[in-house]
Amino acid sequence: MLHRLLREGRAPRLLDVRTPAEFRTAHIPGSYNVPLATLSEHRAELRDHLDEDVVLICRSGARAAQAGQALAGAGLPGLRVLDGGMVAWEEAGAPVNRGPERWDMERQVRLVAGSVVLASGLVGVLVPGVHLIGTAVGAGLTYAALSNTCAMGVLLSKLPYNRGPRPDIRTVIAELRSTR
């Protein structure tokens, strides 16, 4: 449905809440990059320039759902989340603007968590107690799944690899004003 609306030039506003690096790698044409942290921080300002005709986008839908909750808390309920996020969008063969390839956040979390567990397991054979580091990472991943949040992802998003140029909220708001 969204793909058809895009083709017809009747698409809702598309807010992509992924990191700037993820957005530069691949995004839906016409979408605005407002990373989740920026959206949460400036939700009241954004609310004044949005209506209910907004679709929130992330990789899989989890961050977009969090963005929807943040905007609902600012008085803008009923926003839609792109089902399946960019993963489903790309699998459907829908149009995507592409930039330099980067690892998405989920893959980075798997690499770091797996590496820490592997290293602590190997070193734990020689040094008693080191295996508890892997246990702590496992506990963190379990909590991340249950709470639908990810502290490791938040930390990784702050690395220079994932940051890139952060969208300026004033620029985003000016673009939102000019398109409606």
C-alpha atoms as a PDB file:
ATOM      1  CA  MET A   1       0.000   0.000   0.000  1.00  0.00           C
ATOM      2  CA  LEU A   2       2.745   2.469   0.963  1.00  0.00           C
ATOM      3  CA  HIS A   3       4.643   1.563  -2.202  1.00  0.00           C
ATOM      4  CA  ARG A   4       1.546   2.391  -4.290  1.00  0.00           C
ATOM      5  CA  LEU A   5       1.067   5.728  -2.468  1.00  0.00           C
ATOM      6  CA  LEU A   6       4.727   6.589  -3.163  1.00  0.00           C
ATOM      7  CA  ARG A   7       4.291   5.816  -6.872  1.00  0.00           C
ATOM      8  CA  GLU A   8       1.163   7.978  -6.993  1.00  0.00           C
ATOM      9  CA  GLY A   9       2.858  10.864  -5.186  1.00  0.00           C
ATOM     10  CA  ARG A  10       0.430  10.618  -2.254  1.00  0.00           C
ATOM     11  CA  ALA A  11       2.765   9.153   0.359  1.00  0.00           C
ATOM     12  CA  PRO A  12       2.461  10.110   4.006  1.00  0.00           C
ATOM     13  CA  ARG A  13       5.454  11.675   5.707  1.00  0.00           C
ATOM     14  CA  LEU A  14       8.088   9.056   6.290  1.00  0.00           C
ATOM     15  CA  LEU A  15      10.274   9.417   9.400  1.00  0.00           C
ATOM     16  CA  ASP A  16      13.207   7.003   9.496  1.00  0.00           C
ATOM     17  CA  VAL A  17      14.416   6.688  13.098  1.00  0.00           C
ATOM     18  CA  ARG A  18      17.562   4.642  12.409  1.00  0.00           C
ATOM     19  CA  THR A  19      21.086   5.964  12.877  1.00  0.00           C
ATOM     20  CA  PRO A  20      22.445   8.335  10.218  1.00  0.00           C
ATOM     21  CA  ALA A  21      24.817   5.589   9.032  1.00  0.00           C
ATOM     22  CA  GLU A  22      21.969   3.094   8.607  1.00  0.00           C
ATOM     23  CA  PHE A  23      19.918   5.736   6.799  1.00  0.00           C
ATOM     24  CA  ARG A  24      22.789   6.556   4.419  1.00  0.00           C
ATOM     25  CA  THR A  25      23.179   2.855   3.593  1.00  0.00           C
ATOM     26  CA  ALA A  26      19.567   2.466   2.431  1.00  0.00           C
ATOM     27  CA  HIS A  27      16.382   4.474   2.869  1.00  0.00           C
ATOM     28  CA  ILE A  28      12.988   4.939   1.297  1.00  0.00           C
ATOM     29  CA  PRO A  29      12.963   7.828  -1.190  1.00  0.00           C
ATOM     30  CA  GLY A  30      11.443  10.934   0.360  1.00  0.00           C
ATOM     31  CA  SER A  31      11.970   9.821   3.957  1.00  0.00           C
ATOM     32  CA  TYR A  32      13.442  12.054   6.635  1.00  0.00           C
ATOM     33  CA  ASN A  33      16.152  10.800   8.964  1.00  0.00           C
ATOM     34  CA  VAL A  34      15.264  11.644  12.561  1.00  0.00           C
ATOM     35  CA  PRO A  35      17.222   9.181  14.743  1.00  0.00           C
ATOM     36  CA  LEU A  36      15.272   7.844  17.704  1.00  0.00           C
ATOM     37  CA  ALA A  37      17.352   9.804  20.238  1.00  0.00           C
ATOM     38  CA  THR A  38      16.830  13.053  18.292  1.00  0.00           C
ATOM     39  CA  LEU A  39      13.117  12.368  17.897  1.00  0.00           C
ATOM     40  CA  SER A  40      12.728  11.653  21.613  1.00  0.00           C
ATOM     41  CA  GLU A  41      14.624  14.803  22.541  1.00  0.00           C
ATOM     42  CA  HIS A  42      12.699  17.079  20.139  1.00  0.00           C
ATOM     43  CA  ARG A  43       9.295  15.366  20.023  1.00  0.00           C
ATOM     44  CA  ALA A  44       7.396  18.487  21.097  1.00  0.00           C
ATOM     45  CA  GLU A  45       8.966  20.534  18.300  1.00  0.00           C
ATOM     46  CA  LEU A  46       8.283  17.789  15.756  1.00  0.00           C
ATOM     47  CA  ARG A  47       4.673  17.388  16.910  1.00  0.00           C
ATOM     48  CA  ASP A  48       3.927  20.926  15.735  1.00  0.00           C
ATOM     49  CA  HIS A  49       4.971  19.998  12.184  1.00  0.00           C
ATOM     50  CA  LEU A  50       3.414  16.557  11.883  1.00  0.00           C
ATOM     51  CA  ASP A  51      -0.094  15.207  11.608  1.00  0.00           C
ATOM     52  CA  GLU A  52      -1.481  11.673  11.826  1.00  0.00           C
ATOM     53  CA  ASP A  53      -0.392  10.968   8.238  1.00  0.00           C
ATOM     54  CA  VAL A  54       3.080   9.750   9.262  1.00  0.00           C
ATOM     55  CA  VAL A  55       4.773   6.370   8.896  1.00  0.00           C
ATOM     56  CA  LEU A  56       7.688   5.598  11.210  1.00  0.00           C
ATOM     57  CA  ILE A  57      10.492   3.446   9.828  1.00  0.00           C
ATOM     58  CA  CYS A  58      13.428   1.523  11.281  1.00  0.00           C
ATOM     59  CA  ARG A  59      15.164  -1.742  10.443  1.00  0.00           C
ATOM     60  CA  SER A  60      12.525  -4.127  11.813  1.00  0.00           C
ATOM     61  CA  GLY A  61       9.873  -2.025  13.551  1.00  0.00           C
ATOM     62  CA  ALA A  62      11.077  -1.997  17.188  1.00  0.00           C
ATOM     63  CA  ARG A  63      12.692   1.464  17.196  1.00  0.00           C
ATOM     64  CA  ALA A  64       9.830   2.848  15.115  1.00  0.00           C
ATOM     65  CA  ALA A  65       7.369   1.563  17.737  1.00  0.00           C
ATOM     66  CA  GLN A  66       9.412   3.334  20.436  1.00  0.00           C
ATOM     67  CA  ALA A  67       9.319   6.514  18.341  1.00  0.00           C
ATOM     68  CA  GLY A  68       5.533   6.165  18.060  1.00  0.00           C
ATOM     69  CA  GLN A  69       5.256   5.914  21.829  1.00  0.00           C
ATOM     70  CA  ALA A  70       7.456   9.005  22.262  1.00  0.00           C
ATOM     71  CA  LEU A  71       5.343  11.025  19.823  1.00  0.00           C
ATOM     72  CA  ALA A  72       2.115   9.743  21.378  1.00  0.00           C
ATOM     73  CA  GLY A  73       3.424  10.986  24.728  1.00  0.00           C
ATOM     74  CA  ALA A  74       3.904  14.387  23.106  1.00  0.00           C
ATOM     75  CA  GLY A  75       0.276  14.444  21.939  1.00  0.00           C
ATOM     76  CA  LEU A  76       0.497  12.834  18.495  1.00  0.00           C
ATOM     77  CA  PRO A  77      -1.188   9.421  18.814  1.00  0.00           C
ATOM     78  CA  GLY A  78      -2.063   6.970  16.080  1.00  0.00           C
ATOM     79  CA  LEU A  79       1.086   7.111  13.972  1.00  0.00           C
ATOM     80  CA  ARG A  80       1.768   4.053  11.865  1.00  0.00           C
ATOM     81  CA  VAL A  81       4.884   1.885  11.877  1.00  0.00           C
ATOM     82  CA  LEU A  82       6.107   0.288   8.649  1.00  0.00           C
ATOM     83  CA  ASP A  83       5.400  -3.425   9.176  1.00  0.00           C
ATOM     84  CA  GLY A  84       8.669  -5.328   9.103  1.00  0.00           C
ATOM     85  CA  GLY A  85      10.664  -2.114   8.648  1.00  0.00           C
ATOM     86  CA  MET A  86      13.316  -1.725   5.995  1.00  0.00           C
ATOM     87  CA  VAL A  87      13.932  -5.478   5.986  1.00  0.00           C
ATOM     88  CA  ALA A  88      10.411  -6.181   4.716  1.00  0.00           C
ATOM     89  CA  TRP A  89      10.470  -3.130   2.421  1.00  0.00           C
ATOM     90  CA  GLU A  90      13.611  -4.316   0.659  1.00  0.00           C
ATOM     91  CA  GLU A  91      12.410  -7.940   0.500  1.00  0.00           C
ATOM     92  CA  ALA A  92       9.285  -6.689  -1.273  1.00  0.00           C
ATOM     93  CA  GLY A  93      11.475  -5.071  -3.936  1.00  0.00           C
ATOM     94  CA  ALA A  94      10.188  -1.598  -3.096  1.00  0.00           C
ATOM     95  CA  PRO A  95      12.290   1.430  -4.112  1.00  0.00           C
ATOM     96  CA  VAL A  96      15.342   2.244  -1.988  1.00  0.00           C
ATOM     97  CA  ASN A  97      17.975   4.947  -2.226  1.00  0.00           C
ATOM     98  CA  ARG A  98      21.358   3.316  -1.575  1.00  0.00           C
ATOM     99  CA  GLY A  99      24.612   4.673  -0.217  1.00  0.00           C
ATOM    100  CA  PRO A 100      27.795   3.067   1.078  1.00  0.00           C
ATOM    101  CA  GLU A 101      27.169  -0.345   2.651  1.00  0.00           C
ATOM    102  CA  ARG A 102      27.438  -0.559   6.461  1.00  0.00           C
ATOM    103  CA  TRP A 103      26.522  -3.185   8.989  1.00  0.00           C
ATOM    104  CA  ASP A 104      23.115  -2.621  10.553  1.00  0.00           C
ATOM    105  CA  MET A 105      22.841  -2.248  14.325  1.00  0.00           C
ATOM    106  CA  GLU A 106      21.496  -5.742  14.947  1.00  0.00           C
ATOM    107  CA  ARG A 107      24.472  -7.311  13.183  1.00  0.00           C
ATOM    108  CA  GLN A 108      26.883  -5.127  15.182  1.00  0.00           C
ATOM    109  CA  VAL A 109      25.223  -6.179  18.461  1.00  0.00           C
ATOM    110  CA  ARG A 110      25.514  -9.849  17.475  1.00  0.00           C
ATOM    111  CA  LEU A 111      29.216  -9.396  16.655  1.00  0.00           C
ATOM    112  CA  VAL A 112      30.072  -7.620  19.923  1.00  0.00           C
ATOM    113  CA  ALA A 113      27.950  -9.877  22.145  1.00  0.00           C
ATOM    114  CA  GLY A 114      29.215 -13.042  20.473  1.00  0.00           C
ATOM    115  CA  SER A 115      32.828 -11.898  20.650  1.00  0.00           C
ATOM    116  CA  VAL A 116      32.579 -11.035  24.354  1.00  0.00           C
ATOM    117  CA  VAL A 117      30.933 -14.382  25.174  1.00  0.00           C
ATOM    118  CA  LEU A 118      33.471 -16.311  23.084  1.00  0.00           C
ATOM    119  CA  ALA A 119      36.481 -14.482  24.544  1.00  0.00           C
ATOM    120  CA  SER A 120      35.252 -14.762  28.138  1.00  0.00           C
ATOM    121  CA  GLY A 121      34.532 -18.462  27.629  1.00  0.00           C
ATOM    122  CA  LEU A 122      38.013 -19.134  26.241  1.00  0.00           C
ATOM    123  CA  VAL A 123      39.828 -17.031  28.839  1.00  0.00           C
ATOM    124  CA  GLY A 124      37.575 -18.476  31.544  1.00  0.00           C
ATOM    125  CA  VAL A 125      39.223 -21.869  30.988  1.00  0.00           C
ATOM    126  CA  LEU A 126      42.461 -20.390  32.345  1.00  0.00           C
ATOM    127  CA  VAL A 127      41.208 -17.613  34.638  1.00  0.00           C
ATOM    128  CA  PRO A 128      38.468 -18.551  37.097  1.00  0.00           C
ATOM    129  CA  GLY A 129      35.471 -16.213  37.140  1.00  0.00           C
ATOM    130  CA  VAL A 130      36.016 -14.597  33.722  1.00  0.00           C
ATOM    131  CA  HIS A 131      33.144 -16.679  32.335  1.00  0.00           C
ATOM    132  CA  LEU A 132      30.809 -14.451  34.374  1.00  0.00           C
ATOM    133  CA  ILE A 133      31.372 -11.677  31.834  1.00  0.00           C
ATOM    134  CA  GLY A 134      29.677 -13.847  29.218  1.00  0.00           C
ATOM    135  CA  THR A 135      26.906 -14.582  31.707  1.00  0.00           C
ATOM    136  CA  ALA A 136      26.372 -10.840  32.196  1.00  0.00           C
ATOM    137  CA  VAL A 137      26.171 -10.301  28.419  1.00  0.00           C
ATOM    138  CA  GLY A 138      23.642 -13.144  28.171  1.00  0.00           C
ATOM    139  CA  ALA A 139      21.572 -11.559  30.939  1.00  0.00           C
ATOM    140  CA  GLY A 140      21.707  -8.223  29.116  1.00  0.00           C
ATOM    141  CA  LEU A 141      20.546  -9.816  25.864  1.00  0.00           C
ATOM    142  CA  THR A 142      17.709 -11.573  27.670  1.00  0.00           C
ATOM    143  CA  TYR A 143      16.602  -8.276  29.210  1.00  0.00           C
ATOM    144  CA  ALA A 144      16.893  -6.595  25.789  1.00  0.00           C
ATOM    145  CA  ALA A 145      14.550  -9.167  24.282  1.00  0.00           C
ATOM    146  CA  LEU A 146      12.018  -8.944  27.112  1.00  0.00           C
ATOM    147  CA  SER A 147      11.995  -5.136  27.261  1.00  0.00           C
ATOM    148  CA  ASN A 148      12.390  -4.567  23.502  1.00  0.00           C
ATOM    149  CA  THR A 149      15.309  -2.229  24.214  1.00  0.00           C
ATOM    150  CA  CYS A 150      19.022  -2.748  23.727  1.00  0.00           C
ATOM    151  CA  ALA A 151      21.628  -1.008  25.860  1.00  0.00           C
ATOM    152  CA  MET A 152      24.432  -2.426  23.708  1.00  0.00           C
ATOM    153  CA  GLY A 153      22.761  -1.030  20.598  1.00  0.00           C
ATOM    154  CA  VAL A 154      22.468   2.384  22.251  1.00  0.00           C
ATOM    155  CA  LEU A 155      26.185   2.289  23.125  1.00  0.00           C
ATOM    156  CA  LEU A 156      27.182   1.125  19.642  1.00  0.00           C
ATOM    157  CA  SER A 157      25.072   3.877  18.051  1.00  0.00           C
ATOM    158  CA  LYS A 158      27.356   6.428  19.715  1.00  0.00           C
ATOM    159  CA  LEU A 159      30.475   5.132  17.915  1.00  0.00           C
ATOM    160  CA  PRO A 160      31.791   7.323  15.068  1.00  0.00           C
ATOM    161  CA  TYR A 161      31.073   4.472  12.613  1.00  0.00           C
ATOM    162  CA  ASN A 162      27.362   4.790  13.363  1.00  0.00           C
ATOM    163  CA  ARG A 163      27.016   8.485  13.963  1.00  0.00           C
ATOM    164  CA  GLY A 164      28.151  10.309  10.887  1.00  0.00           C
ATOM    165  CA  PRO A 165      26.602  13.722  10.445  1.00  0.00           C
ATOM    166  CA  ARG A 166      23.626  13.930  12.803  1.00  0.00           C
ATOM    167  CA  PRO A 167      20.545  15.426  11.200  1.00  0.00           C
ATOM    168  CA  ASP A 168      19.977  18.938  12.460  1.00  0.00           C
ATOM    169  CA  ILE A 169      16.486  19.185  13.925  1.00  0.00           C
ATOM    170  CA  ARG A 170      16.021  22.723  12.544  1.00  0.00           C
ATOM    171  CA  THR A 171      16.803  21.475   9.033  1.00  0.00           C
ATOM    172  CA  VAL A 172      14.385  18.551   9.410  1.00  0.00           C
ATOM    173  CA  ILE A 173      11.632  20.869  10.657  1.00  0.00           C
ATOM    174  CA  ALA A 174      12.269  23.305   7.779  1.00  0.00           C
ATOM    175  CA  GLU A 175      11.979  20.415   5.301  1.00  0.00           C
ATOM    176  CA  LEU A 176       8.781  19.212   6.978  1.00  0.00           C
ATOM    177  CA  ARG A 177       7.318  22.718   6.698  1.00  0.00           C
ATOM    178  CA  SER A 178       8.263  23.059   3.034  1.00  0.00           C
ATOM    179  CA  THR A 179       6.696  19.765   1.926  1.00  0.00           C
ATOM    180  CA  ARG A 180       3.157  20.330   3.128  1.00  0.00           C
END
